[in-house]
Amino acid sequence: MDANNTMTISRRQMLQLSGMGFGTMALAALQQQEQAARAGEMVSLQPRKPHFEGPAKAVIQLVMTGGPSQMDLFDPKPVLNQRDGQVYEIKIDPIQGGSDPNKLLGTPFKFSQHGESGMDFSSVFPHLPTLADDLCMIRSFESVHNNHTEGIVNLACGKMFVGRPTMGAWISYGLGSENQNLPGFVVLRDPDGYSTSGGLMSKNGWMPALYGGTEFSSRGSAVTNLQRRVALPNGVQARSLQFLAQLNAEQQRRFPENSELETRIRNYELAARMQLSATQTLDISDETEASRKLYGLDNEKTQNYGLRCLMARRLIESGVRFVQVFSAAGQPWDHHNGLKNNLLDMSARTDLPTTGLIKDLKQRGLLDSTIVMWGGEFGRMPVAQNSDGRDHNKRAGSFILAGGGFKKGLTYGATDEVGYTVVENRFTAPDMFACVMHQMGLDHREVKFEHAGRLEDATDSVVTDAKLHPDIIATPVHLS
């Protein structure tokens, strides 16, 4: 009733009451069509405008699964060496046996300062220190769990619960791809095997599958199951694809709300376009000898990982947003014993190619617009395990960022005198999301996707309290 005692009804009520409710049915049909149209637009790798103009256009994530030892690589601890063999007064929380004596273990490597920045590196790395003034070293990375799978999922998703979209999926969804003939998110694993739980790092979660990582191979055919084993006569495949498109169109007309069908169709369309584009992009026959040497392709020790690093550069040159490169199969940085020899072995495999990648990006003018991330799921303990190893440590680890507008020659954060826990500028996986996405022009709180009736943002920011760290960003563009 209004002020004159006259009954008023809304437009929706009028549709319900008139024409035996057929008006409401028509409205529902229109709304369903609009929802389907939005879903179809959403399931797309078309380039999208960022929230603001960020310096970075692509990310290369160098994944060091296993947990690199911070006090043996990047975080010198003189006190730890002085107290070598002494019982640590704080009882650590190991994930495995062998650390029961709780005795501190000094590093077998010497540290030295490099570049004008005086950045610290151990002698494990002969090549990476030459880039000291181009790197941003995080010494205060903190994980949430001492087990590999939980740590890996936390690094990939910002939380340790399986099922959320990974960083690559969020960025692929938020920005699309600059090349419609290639996926927005590509995974380059060791062809000799998967990293432990590494497959969880490229999942789309509850987003459409189009935004998850697509695996390319550095050995044999670049994309599996893309080419037919038996060639077809001329014109047959084209006619088959045309007929399939007609069938798909009919299914979409009959079931406009089926977003899974839309995703599947777009995946097949992308696969058809990739048949030529992926092969051409990953054909390194046009690379010079100098380029091959830069990545270590002339050395049996570095060739495997180096080829993946070179492929990563070619992919981001071709417009791929996010490339994930795994250092080796299994958990190669997981050194519960034989710490010295194992670290030297992993350095021999990865140090030169990692350095070559960053140098190559720089000399091609791509480093300013490409973020390179180097790190694993957590760090290691300051006490000895099995006499010459270290157990997992969720409380402290180190991470390296390069390019994409991050500050150069900066060492950020600090751990206690033996490297057990973070004491300054705690930096979490959700913080990593926030900072990397900021450099890509995305506000992590505003990249949202509807799931189970609520809008989820990229970091579940209300729960995780993900935050930017402006001190590591050269020119912050959006810190509200």
Protein backbone atom coordinates (compact mmCIF):
# COMPACT_ATOMS: atom_id res chain seq x y z
CA MET A 1 0.00 0.00 0.00
CA ASP A 2 1.17 3.55 -0.68
CA ALA A 3 0.16 6.73 1.19
CA ASN A 4 -3.22 6.81 -0.64
CA ASN A 5 -3.99 3.20 0.37
CA THR A 6 -3.43 2.09 -3.22
CA MET A 7 -1.88 -1.34 -3.72
CA THR A 8 1.46 -1.24 -5.57
CA ILE A 9 3.28 -4.20 -6.99
CA SER A 10 6.76 -4.60 -8.42
CA ARG A 11 7.40 -5.44 -12.05
CA ARG A 12 8.52 -8.92 -11.02
CA GLN A 13 5.24 -9.45 -9.08
CA MET A 14 3.25 -8.25 -12.08
CA LEU A 15 4.91 -10.88 -14.25
CA GLN A 16 4.12 -13.54 -11.65
CA LEU A 17 0.45 -12.57 -11.36
CA SER A 18 -0.38 -11.93 -15.01
CA GLY A 19 -0.80 -14.38 -17.86
CA MET A 20 -0.76 -17.41 -15.51
CA GLY A 21 2.87 -16.68 -14.67
CA PHE A 22 4.18 -17.01 -18.20
CA GLY A 23 5.84 -13.60 -17.83
CA THR A 24 8.02 -14.99 -15.04
CA MET A 25 8.95 -17.95 -17.21
CA ALA A 26 10.01 -15.61 -20.00
CA LEU A 27 12.06 -13.53 -17.57
CA ALA A 28 13.79 -16.62 -16.24
CA ALA A 29 14.64 -17.72 -19.78
CA LEU A 30 16.14 -14.32 -20.56
CA GLN A 31 18.15 -14.37 -17.35
CA GLN A 32 19.39 -17.87 -18.16
CA GLN A 33 20.53 -16.68 -21.59
CA GLU A 34 22.34 -13.71 -20.05
CA GLN A 35 24.03 -15.99 -17.50
CA ALA A 36 25.13 -18.36 -20.24
CA ALA A 37 26.48 -15.45 -22.29
CA ARG A 38 28.48 -14.25 -19.28
CA ALA A 39 29.80 -17.77 -18.74
CA GLY A 40 30.81 -18.03 -22.37
CA GLU A 41 32.59 -14.68 -22.17
CA MET A 42 34.26 -15.70 -18.92
CA VAL A 43 35.59 -18.99 -20.31
CA SER A 44 38.01 -17.29 -22.63
CA LEU A 45 41.71 -16.52 -23.01
CA GLN A 46 41.05 -13.26 -24.82
CA PRO A 47 43.33 -10.52 -23.41
CA ARG A 48 41.68 -8.61 -20.57
CA LYS A 49 42.51 -5.17 -19.28
CA PRO A 50 44.36 -5.19 -15.94
CA HIS A 51 43.03 -3.22 -12.99
CA PHE A 52 45.89 -0.77 -13.47
CA GLU A 53 49.00 -0.61 -15.63
CA GLY A 54 51.65 -2.85 -14.10
CA PRO A 55 55.22 -3.23 -15.37
CA ALA A 56 55.07 -7.02 -15.86
CA LYS A 57 53.34 -8.92 -18.66
CA ALA A 58 54.50 -12.49 -17.92
CA VAL A 59 55.84 -14.76 -15.17
CA ILE A 60 58.42 -17.56 -15.30
CA GLN A 61 58.32 -19.63 -12.11
CA LEU A 62 61.42 -21.73 -11.54
CA VAL A 63 60.19 -24.40 -9.12
CA MET A 64 62.80 -25.88 -6.78
CA THR A 65 60.73 -28.58 -5.09
CA GLY A 66 62.14 -30.18 -1.97
CA GLY A 67 63.07 -27.12 0.08
CA PRO A 68 66.40 -25.38 -0.71
CA SER A 69 68.54 -24.81 2.37
CA GLN A 70 68.63 -21.06 3.05
CA MET A 71 71.61 -21.08 5.44
CA ASP A 72 73.70 -22.98 2.89
CA LEU A 73 72.77 -20.84 -0.12
CA PHE A 74 71.59 -17.29 0.58
CA ASP A 75 71.42 -16.53 4.32
CA PRO A 76 74.86 -16.54 6.02
CA LYS A 77 74.82 -17.39 9.72
CA PRO A 78 78.23 -16.93 11.40
CA VAL A 79 76.74 -17.84 14.79
CA LEU A 80 75.50 -21.14 13.35
CA ASN A 81 79.05 -21.98 12.29
CA GLN A 82 80.48 -20.89 15.63
CA ARG A 83 78.02 -23.14 17.47
CA ASP A 84 78.43 -26.13 15.14
CA GLY A 85 77.82 -29.31 17.13
CA GLN A 86 76.25 -27.57 20.13
CA VAL A 87 72.77 -28.50 21.38
CA TYR A 88 70.22 -25.92 20.26
CA GLU A 89 68.25 -24.52 23.21
CA ILE A 90 65.01 -24.47 21.19
CA LYS A 91 63.53 -27.89 20.48
CA ILE A 92 62.71 -27.94 16.76
CA ASP A 93 59.67 -29.68 15.26
CA PRO A 94 61.06 -32.16 12.69
CA ILE A 95 58.96 -33.92 10.09
CA GLN A 96 61.24 -36.98 10.02
CA GLY A 97 63.57 -38.78 12.41
CA GLY A 98 67.29 -38.19 12.63
CA SER A 99 67.29 -34.73 14.23
CA ASP A 100 66.71 -35.95 17.80
CA PRO A 101 70.08 -34.78 19.21
CA ASN A 102 69.01 -31.23 18.25
CA LYS A 103 72.62 -30.25 17.50
CA LEU A 104 73.33 -27.22 15.33
CA LEU A 105 75.00 -27.82 11.97
CA GLY A 106 77.19 -25.14 10.40
CA THR A 107 77.40 -24.78 6.65
CA PRO A 108 80.26 -26.43 4.75
CA PHE A 109 80.27 -23.53 2.26
CA LYS A 110 81.87 -20.11 2.33
CA PHE A 111 79.79 -16.97 1.79
CA SER A 112 80.88 -13.83 -0.02
CA GLN A 113 79.29 -10.56 -1.08
CA HIS A 114 78.66 -9.71 -4.72
CA GLY A 115 77.85 -6.69 -6.86
CA GLU A 116 77.49 -3.11 -5.75
CA SER A 117 74.63 -4.26 -3.53
CA GLY A 118 76.90 -6.63 -1.59
CA MET A 119 74.34 -9.43 -1.84
CA ASP A 120 75.39 -12.63 -0.04
CA PHE A 121 75.77 -15.95 -1.84
CA SER A 122 77.47 -19.15 -0.84
CA SER A 123 80.10 -20.82 -3.01
CA VAL A 124 77.46 -23.38 -4.10
CA PHE A 125 76.51 -20.97 -6.91
CA PRO A 126 79.34 -19.81 -9.20
CA HIS A 127 77.08 -18.08 -11.76
CA LEU A 128 73.99 -16.61 -10.05
CA PRO A 129 76.03 -14.12 -7.95
CA THR A 130 77.04 -12.33 -11.18
CA LEU A 131 73.42 -11.11 -11.28
CA ALA A 132 73.40 -9.82 -7.69
CA ASP A 133 72.45 -6.28 -8.73
CA ASP A 134 69.50 -7.56 -10.78
CA LEU A 135 67.95 -9.76 -8.07
CA CYS A 136 65.55 -9.19 -5.19
CA MET A 137 66.40 -11.71 -2.47
CA ILE A 138 63.69 -12.55 0.08
CA ARG A 139 65.16 -14.05 3.27
CA SER A 140 61.92 -14.14 5.23
CA PHE A 141 59.71 -16.58 3.35
CA GLU A 142 57.43 -18.47 5.74
CA SER A 143 55.37 -21.53 4.85
CA VAL A 144 52.49 -23.15 6.73
CA HIS A 145 53.46 -26.83 6.95
CA ASN A 146 56.59 -28.98 7.15
CA ASN A 147 55.34 -31.64 4.73
CA HIS A 148 56.07 -31.43 1.01
CA THR A 149 52.55 -31.70 -0.39
CA GLU A 150 51.03 -29.14 1.95
CA GLY A 151 53.97 -26.80 1.40
CA ILE A 152 53.79 -27.18 -2.38
CA VAL A 153 50.03 -26.56 -2.47
CA ASN A 154 50.50 -23.53 -0.21
CA LEU A 155 53.17 -22.14 -2.56
CA ALA A 156 50.97 -22.75 -5.60
CA CYS A 157 47.57 -21.76 -4.22
CA GLY A 158 48.29 -19.37 -1.33
CA LYS A 159 46.68 -21.88 1.05
CA MET A 160 47.58 -25.50 1.76
CA PHE A 161 44.17 -26.90 0.84
CA VAL A 162 43.96 -28.81 -2.43
CA GLY A 163 41.22 -27.53 -4.74
CA ARG A 164 41.91 -23.81 -5.01
CA PRO A 165 43.15 -22.37 -8.31
CA THR A 166 46.91 -21.90 -8.54
CA MET A 167 48.71 -18.61 -9.18
CA GLY A 168 49.13 -19.38 -12.87
CA ALA A 169 45.39 -20.10 -13.19
CA TRP A 170 44.42 -16.82 -11.47
CA ILE A 171 46.74 -14.79 -13.71
CA SER A 172 45.59 -16.64 -16.84
CA TYR A 173 41.97 -15.96 -15.85
CA GLY A 174 42.61 -12.35 -14.83
CA LEU A 175 44.57 -11.27 -17.91
CA GLY A 176 43.93 -13.86 -20.61
CA SER A 177 46.64 -14.65 -23.15
CA GLU A 178 48.38 -12.38 -25.65
CA ASN A 179 48.55 -15.32 -28.07
CA GLN A 180 45.29 -17.09 -28.87
CA ASN A 181 47.19 -19.97 -30.46
CA LEU A 182 48.89 -20.93 -27.18
CA PRO A 183 47.64 -21.57 -23.64
CA GLY A 184 47.85 -18.80 -21.08
CA PHE A 185 49.60 -21.12 -18.59
CA VAL A 186 52.27 -23.65 -19.65
CA VAL A 187 54.06 -26.24 -17.51
CA LEU A 188 57.55 -27.54 -18.36
CA ARG A 189 58.44 -30.52 -16.20
CA ASP A 190 61.42 -32.84 -16.30
CA PRO A 191 60.61 -35.41 -19.02
CA ASP A 192 62.24 -38.05 -16.80
CA GLY A 193 59.42 -37.76 -14.25
CA TYR A 194 57.10 -35.57 -12.22
CA SER A 195 58.15 -33.57 -9.19
CA THR A 196 56.67 -34.75 -5.91
CA SER A 197 53.12 -33.35 -5.81
CA GLY A 198 54.24 -31.02 -8.59
CA GLY A 199 51.07 -31.68 -10.57
CA LEU A 200 49.14 -29.84 -7.87
CA MET A 201 50.98 -26.62 -8.73
CA SER A 202 49.23 -26.13 -12.07
CA LYS A 203 45.61 -26.97 -11.26
CA ASN A 204 42.68 -24.77 -12.26
CA GLY A 205 40.81 -25.68 -9.04
CA TRP A 206 37.16 -24.77 -9.38
CA MET A 207 37.80 -22.53 -12.37
CA PRO A 208 37.20 -23.78 -15.93
CA ALA A 209 39.96 -26.10 -17.10
CA LEU A 210 41.02 -23.58 -19.74
CA TYR A 211 42.89 -21.61 -17.05
CA GLY A 212 44.90 -24.52 -15.67
CA GLY A 213 48.43 -25.37 -16.79
CA THR A 214 48.98 -27.13 -20.10
CA GLU A 215 51.95 -29.47 -20.06
CA PHE A 216 54.53 -29.11 -22.81
CA SER A 217 57.45 -31.50 -23.17
CA SER A 218 61.11 -30.67 -23.73
CA ARG A 219 61.67 -34.11 -25.26
CA GLY A 220 59.95 -35.53 -28.30
CA SER A 221 56.67 -33.96 -29.38
CA ALA A 222 56.17 -30.65 -27.54
CA VAL A 223 52.47 -31.34 -26.90
CA THR A 224 51.33 -34.92 -26.42
CA ASN A 225 48.34 -36.26 -28.39
CA LEU A 226 48.27 -33.14 -30.59
CA GLN A 227 49.30 -34.76 -33.87
CA ARG A 228 47.61 -37.77 -35.46
CA ARG A 229 49.63 -40.99 -35.65
CA VAL A 230 48.26 -41.64 -39.13
CA ALA A 231 47.89 -38.74 -41.56
CA LEU A 232 44.43 -38.13 -43.04
CA PRO A 233 43.68 -37.35 -46.70
CA ASN A 234 43.55 -33.66 -47.60
CA GLY A 235 40.40 -31.94 -46.42
CA VAL A 236 39.17 -34.71 -44.12
CA GLN A 237 40.24 -33.07 -40.86
CA ALA A 238 38.84 -29.68 -41.91
CA ARG A 239 35.45 -31.22 -42.73
CA SER A 240 35.51 -33.20 -39.47
CA LEU A 241 36.18 -30.06 -37.46
CA GLN A 242 33.44 -28.20 -39.30
CA PHE A 243 30.93 -30.96 -38.53
CA LEU A 244 32.09 -31.04 -34.88
CA ALA A 245 31.56 -27.28 -34.65
CA GLN A 246 27.98 -27.73 -35.90
CA LEU A 247 27.30 -30.41 -33.28
CA ASN A 248 28.82 -28.21 -30.56
CA ALA A 249 26.70 -25.25 -31.63
CA GLU A 250 23.56 -27.37 -31.40
CA GLN A 251 24.54 -28.59 -27.91
CA GLN A 252 25.18 -25.01 -26.77
CA ARG A 253 21.79 -23.96 -28.11
CA ARG A 254 20.07 -26.78 -26.21
CA PHE A 255 22.11 -26.40 -22.99
CA PRO A 256 23.20 -22.73 -22.80
CA GLU A 257 23.96 -22.94 -19.07
CA ASN A 258 26.53 -25.73 -19.43
CA SER A 259 29.85 -23.93 -18.83
CA GLU A 260 31.77 -27.25 -18.79
CA LEU A 261 30.74 -27.82 -22.39
CA GLU A 262 31.89 -24.30 -23.25
CA THR A 263 35.28 -24.97 -21.64
CA ARG A 264 35.68 -28.27 -23.48
CA ILE A 265 34.84 -26.67 -26.81
CA ARG A 266 37.35 -23.88 -26.27
CA ASN A 267 40.01 -26.39 -25.22
CA TYR A 268 39.54 -28.35 -28.46
CA GLU A 269 39.60 -25.16 -30.51
CA LEU A 270 42.83 -24.15 -28.77
CA ALA A 271 44.34 -27.60 -29.42
CA ALA A 272 43.60 -27.26 -33.12
CA ARG A 273 45.34 -23.87 -33.25
CA MET A 274 48.28 -25.18 -31.22
CA GLN A 275 49.10 -27.85 -33.80
CA LEU A 276 51.17 -25.34 -35.74
CA SER A 277 51.87 -22.58 -33.23
CA ALA A 278 53.32 -24.69 -30.40
CA THR A 279 55.60 -26.60 -32.74
CA GLN A 280 56.96 -23.40 -34.27
CA THR A 281 57.36 -21.63 -30.93
CA LEU A 282 59.34 -24.46 -29.36
CA ASP A 283 61.52 -25.22 -32.37
CA ILE A 284 64.95 -24.04 -31.20
CA SER A 285 66.72 -24.73 -34.49
CA ASP A 286 67.01 -20.98 -35.09
CA GLU A 287 68.82 -20.36 -31.78
CA THR A 288 72.46 -19.30 -32.15
CA GLU A 289 75.36 -21.26 -30.72
CA ALA A 290 75.94 -18.42 -28.24
CA SER A 291 72.35 -18.70 -27.06
CA ARG A 292 72.58 -22.47 -26.66
CA LYS A 293 75.78 -22.11 -24.66
CA LEU A 294 74.22 -19.44 -22.47
CA TYR A 295 71.61 -21.98 -21.33
CA GLY A 296 74.10 -24.85 -21.04
CA LEU A 297 72.76 -26.89 -23.94
CA ASP A 298 76.34 -27.85 -24.79
CA ASN A 299 76.79 -29.60 -21.44
CA GLU A 300 75.21 -32.93 -20.53
CA LYS A 301 74.78 -31.82 -16.90
CA THR A 302 72.85 -28.63 -17.70
CA GLN A 303 71.18 -29.57 -20.98
CA ASN A 304 67.97 -31.01 -19.52
CA TYR A 305 67.00 -28.06 -17.30
CA GLY A 306 68.61 -25.53 -19.64
CA LEU A 307 66.37 -26.54 -22.53
CA ARG A 308 63.28 -25.95 -20.39
CA CYS A 309 64.58 -22.49 -19.42
CA LEU A 310 65.14 -21.66 -23.09
CA MET A 311 61.66 -22.91 -23.94
CA ALA A 312 60.26 -20.69 -21.19
CA ARG A 313 61.86 -17.62 -22.75
CA ARG A 314 60.46 -18.51 -26.19
CA LEU A 315 56.99 -19.04 -24.73
CA ILE A 316 56.79 -15.69 -22.97
CA GLU A 317 58.19 -14.05 -26.12
CA SER A 318 55.20 -15.58 -27.91
CA GLY A 319 52.68 -14.13 -25.47
CA VAL A 320 52.18 -16.89 -22.87
CA ARG A 321 51.37 -15.31 -19.48
CA PHE A 322 52.69 -17.87 -17.01
CA VAL A 323 55.35 -20.54 -17.51
CA GLN A 324 56.24 -23.00 -14.77
CA VAL A 325 59.64 -24.70 -15.02
CA PHE A 326 60.49 -27.61 -12.70
CA SER A 327 64.16 -28.13 -11.88
CA ALA A 328 64.08 -31.95 -11.85
CA ALA A 329 61.89 -34.95 -11.13
CA GLY A 330 61.07 -35.92 -7.56
CA GLN A 331 62.07 -33.48 -4.80
CA PRO A 332 65.65 -32.68 -5.81
CA TRP A 333 66.34 -30.03 -3.13
CA ASP A 334 65.24 -32.32 -0.28
CA HIS A 335 68.55 -33.06 1.45
CA HIS A 336 68.02 -35.04 4.63
CA ASN A 337 71.58 -36.31 4.29
CA GLY A 338 74.56 -35.75 2.02
CA LEU A 339 73.81 -32.02 2.10
CA LYS A 340 77.12 -30.80 0.66
CA ASN A 341 77.37 -33.12 -2.33
CA ASN A 342 73.66 -32.92 -3.14
CA LEU A 343 73.62 -29.11 -3.14
CA LEU A 344 76.67 -29.01 -5.39
CA ASP A 345 74.97 -31.48 -7.74
CA MET A 346 71.78 -29.40 -7.99
CA SER A 347 73.83 -26.26 -8.53
CA ALA A 348 75.72 -27.97 -11.34
CA ARG A 349 72.39 -28.78 -12.98
CA THR A 350 70.53 -25.49 -12.50
CA ASP A 351 72.84 -22.56 -11.72
CA LEU A 352 74.11 -21.86 -15.23
CA PRO A 353 70.71 -22.22 -16.99
CA THR A 354 68.96 -20.05 -14.38
CA THR A 355 71.60 -17.36 -14.78
CA GLY A 356 71.48 -17.72 -18.56
CA LEU A 357 67.72 -17.26 -18.61
CA ILE A 358 67.83 -14.02 -16.62
CA LYS A 359 70.76 -12.68 -18.65
CA ASP A 360 69.01 -13.57 -21.90
CA LEU A 361 65.79 -11.85 -20.83
CA LYS A 362 67.80 -8.79 -19.86
CA GLN A 363 69.76 -8.55 -23.11
CA ARG A 364 66.55 -8.93 -25.13
CA GLY A 365 64.79 -6.17 -23.19
CA LEU A 366 62.32 -8.64 -21.69
CA LEU A 367 63.38 -8.68 -18.03
CA ASP A 368 61.59 -5.47 -17.09
CA SER A 369 58.30 -6.97 -18.26
CA THR A 370 58.92 -10.55 -17.05
CA ILE A 371 58.93 -11.73 -13.44
CA VAL A 372 61.30 -14.60 -12.70
CA MET A 373 60.60 -16.48 -9.46
CA TRP A 374 63.09 -18.96 -7.94
CA GLY A 375 62.25 -20.99 -4.85
CA GLY A 376 60.76 -24.03 -3.19
CA GLU A 377 58.01 -24.79 -0.71
CA PHE A 378 59.99 -24.12 2.50
CA GLY A 379 63.52 -23.94 3.95
CA ARG A 380 65.65 -26.23 6.11
CA MET A 381 66.44 -26.62 9.83
CA PRO A 382 69.59 -25.26 11.49
CA VAL A 383 70.21 -28.57 13.28
CA ALA A 384 71.78 -31.69 11.82
CA GLN A 385 69.72 -34.60 10.55
CA ASN A 386 71.47 -37.91 10.03
CA SER A 387 74.77 -36.12 10.78
CA ASP A 388 75.08 -34.32 7.42
CA GLY A 389 71.57 -33.27 6.34
CA ARG A 390 68.74 -30.93 7.36
CA ASP A 391 65.02 -31.53 7.88
CA HIS A 392 62.15 -29.39 6.53
CA ASN A 393 61.53 -25.98 8.09
CA LYS A 394 58.24 -24.14 7.50
CA ARG A 395 59.36 -21.19 9.65
CA ALA A 396 62.04 -19.77 7.35
CA GLY A 397 63.26 -19.98 3.80
CA SER A 398 64.68 -17.83 1.02
CA PHE A 399 63.22 -16.86 -2.33
CA ILE A 400 64.54 -14.93 -5.33
CA LEU A 401 62.61 -12.55 -7.56
CA ALA A 402 63.97 -10.83 -10.65
CA GLY A 403 62.57 -8.42 -13.22
CA GLY A 404 58.98 -7.25 -13.50
CA GLY A 405 59.57 -4.06 -11.53
CA PHE A 406 60.91 -5.64 -8.35
CA LYS A 407 63.78 -3.75 -6.71
CA LYS A 408 67.22 -4.72 -7.91
CA GLY A 409 70.07 -5.61 -5.59
CA LEU A 410 67.74 -5.73 -2.57
CA THR A 411 68.00 -8.20 0.32
CA TYR A 412 64.70 -8.19 2.19
CA GLY A 413 63.69 -9.71 5.52
CA ALA A 414 65.75 -11.54 8.10
CA THR A 415 65.86 -14.71 10.17
CA ASP A 416 67.27 -15.29 13.66
CA GLU A 417 70.99 -15.90 14.27
CA VAL A 418 70.82 -19.56 13.23
CA GLY A 419 68.15 -19.28 10.51
CA TYR A 420 65.38 -21.13 12.32
CA THR A 421 62.59 -18.54 12.21
CA VAL A 422 61.72 -15.23 10.55
CA VAL A 423 62.31 -12.16 12.71
CA GLU A 424 61.82 -9.33 10.20
CA ASN A 425 59.38 -8.69 7.31
CA ARG A 426 57.57 -12.02 7.28
CA PHE A 427 56.73 -12.93 3.67
CA THR A 428 54.08 -15.59 3.03
CA ALA A 429 52.75 -17.35 -0.07
CA PRO A 430 49.62 -15.11 -0.09
CA ASP A 431 51.96 -12.11 0.10
CA MET A 432 53.81 -13.54 -2.90
CA PHE A 433 50.50 -13.73 -4.77
CA ALA A 434 49.69 -10.13 -3.84
CA CYS A 435 53.08 -8.78 -4.94
CA VAL A 436 53.38 -10.74 -8.19
CA MET A 437 49.80 -9.97 -9.22
CA HIS A 438 50.32 -6.28 -8.35
CA GLN A 439 53.26 -6.17 -10.76
CA MET A 440 51.00 -7.73 -13.41
CA GLY A 441 48.47 -4.95 -12.89
CA LEU A 442 46.03 -7.01 -10.82
CA ASP A 443 44.65 -6.30 -7.37
CA HIS A 444 44.60 -9.74 -5.73
CA ARG A 445 41.48 -8.75 -3.78
CA GLU A 446 39.57 -7.89 -6.96
CA VAL A 447 40.41 -10.93 -9.12
CA LYS A 448 37.30 -12.93 -8.24
CA PHE A 449 35.53 -16.06 -9.35
CA GLU A 450 32.19 -17.37 -8.10
CA HIS A 451 32.43 -20.71 -6.32
CA ALA A 452 29.86 -22.46 -4.11
CA GLY A 453 27.69 -19.39 -3.95
CA ARG A 454 30.35 -16.84 -3.02
CA LEU A 455 32.86 -14.70 -4.84
CA GLU A 456 36.32 -16.05 -4.07
CA ASP A 457 39.29 -13.76 -4.58
CA ALA A 458 42.78 -14.86 -5.59
CA THR A 459 44.20 -15.02 -2.06
CA ASP A 460 41.10 -15.50 0.10
CA SER A 461 42.37 -12.16 1.42
CA VAL A 462 39.97 -11.85 4.35
CA VAL A 463 41.25 -15.12 5.82
CA THR A 464 44.92 -15.03 4.80
CA ASP A 465 45.50 -11.30 5.36
CA ALA A 466 47.59 -11.26 2.20
CA LYS A 467 49.47 -8.00 1.84
CA LEU A 468 51.75 -6.15 -0.50
CA HIS A 469 55.33 -5.41 0.49
CA PRO A 470 56.03 -2.00 -1.09
CA ASP A 471 59.68 -2.10 -0.02
CA ILE A 472 60.44 -4.76 -2.64
CA ILE A 473 58.66 -2.93 -5.46
CA ALA A 474 60.65 -0.37 -7.44
CA THR A 475 57.69 1.80 -8.44
CA PRO A 476 54.45 0.88 -6.66
CA VAL A 477 51.53 1.73 -8.90
CA HIS A 478 48.57 0.73 -6.79
CA LEU A 479 48.91 0.33 -3.03
CA SER A 480 45.45 1.33 -1.80
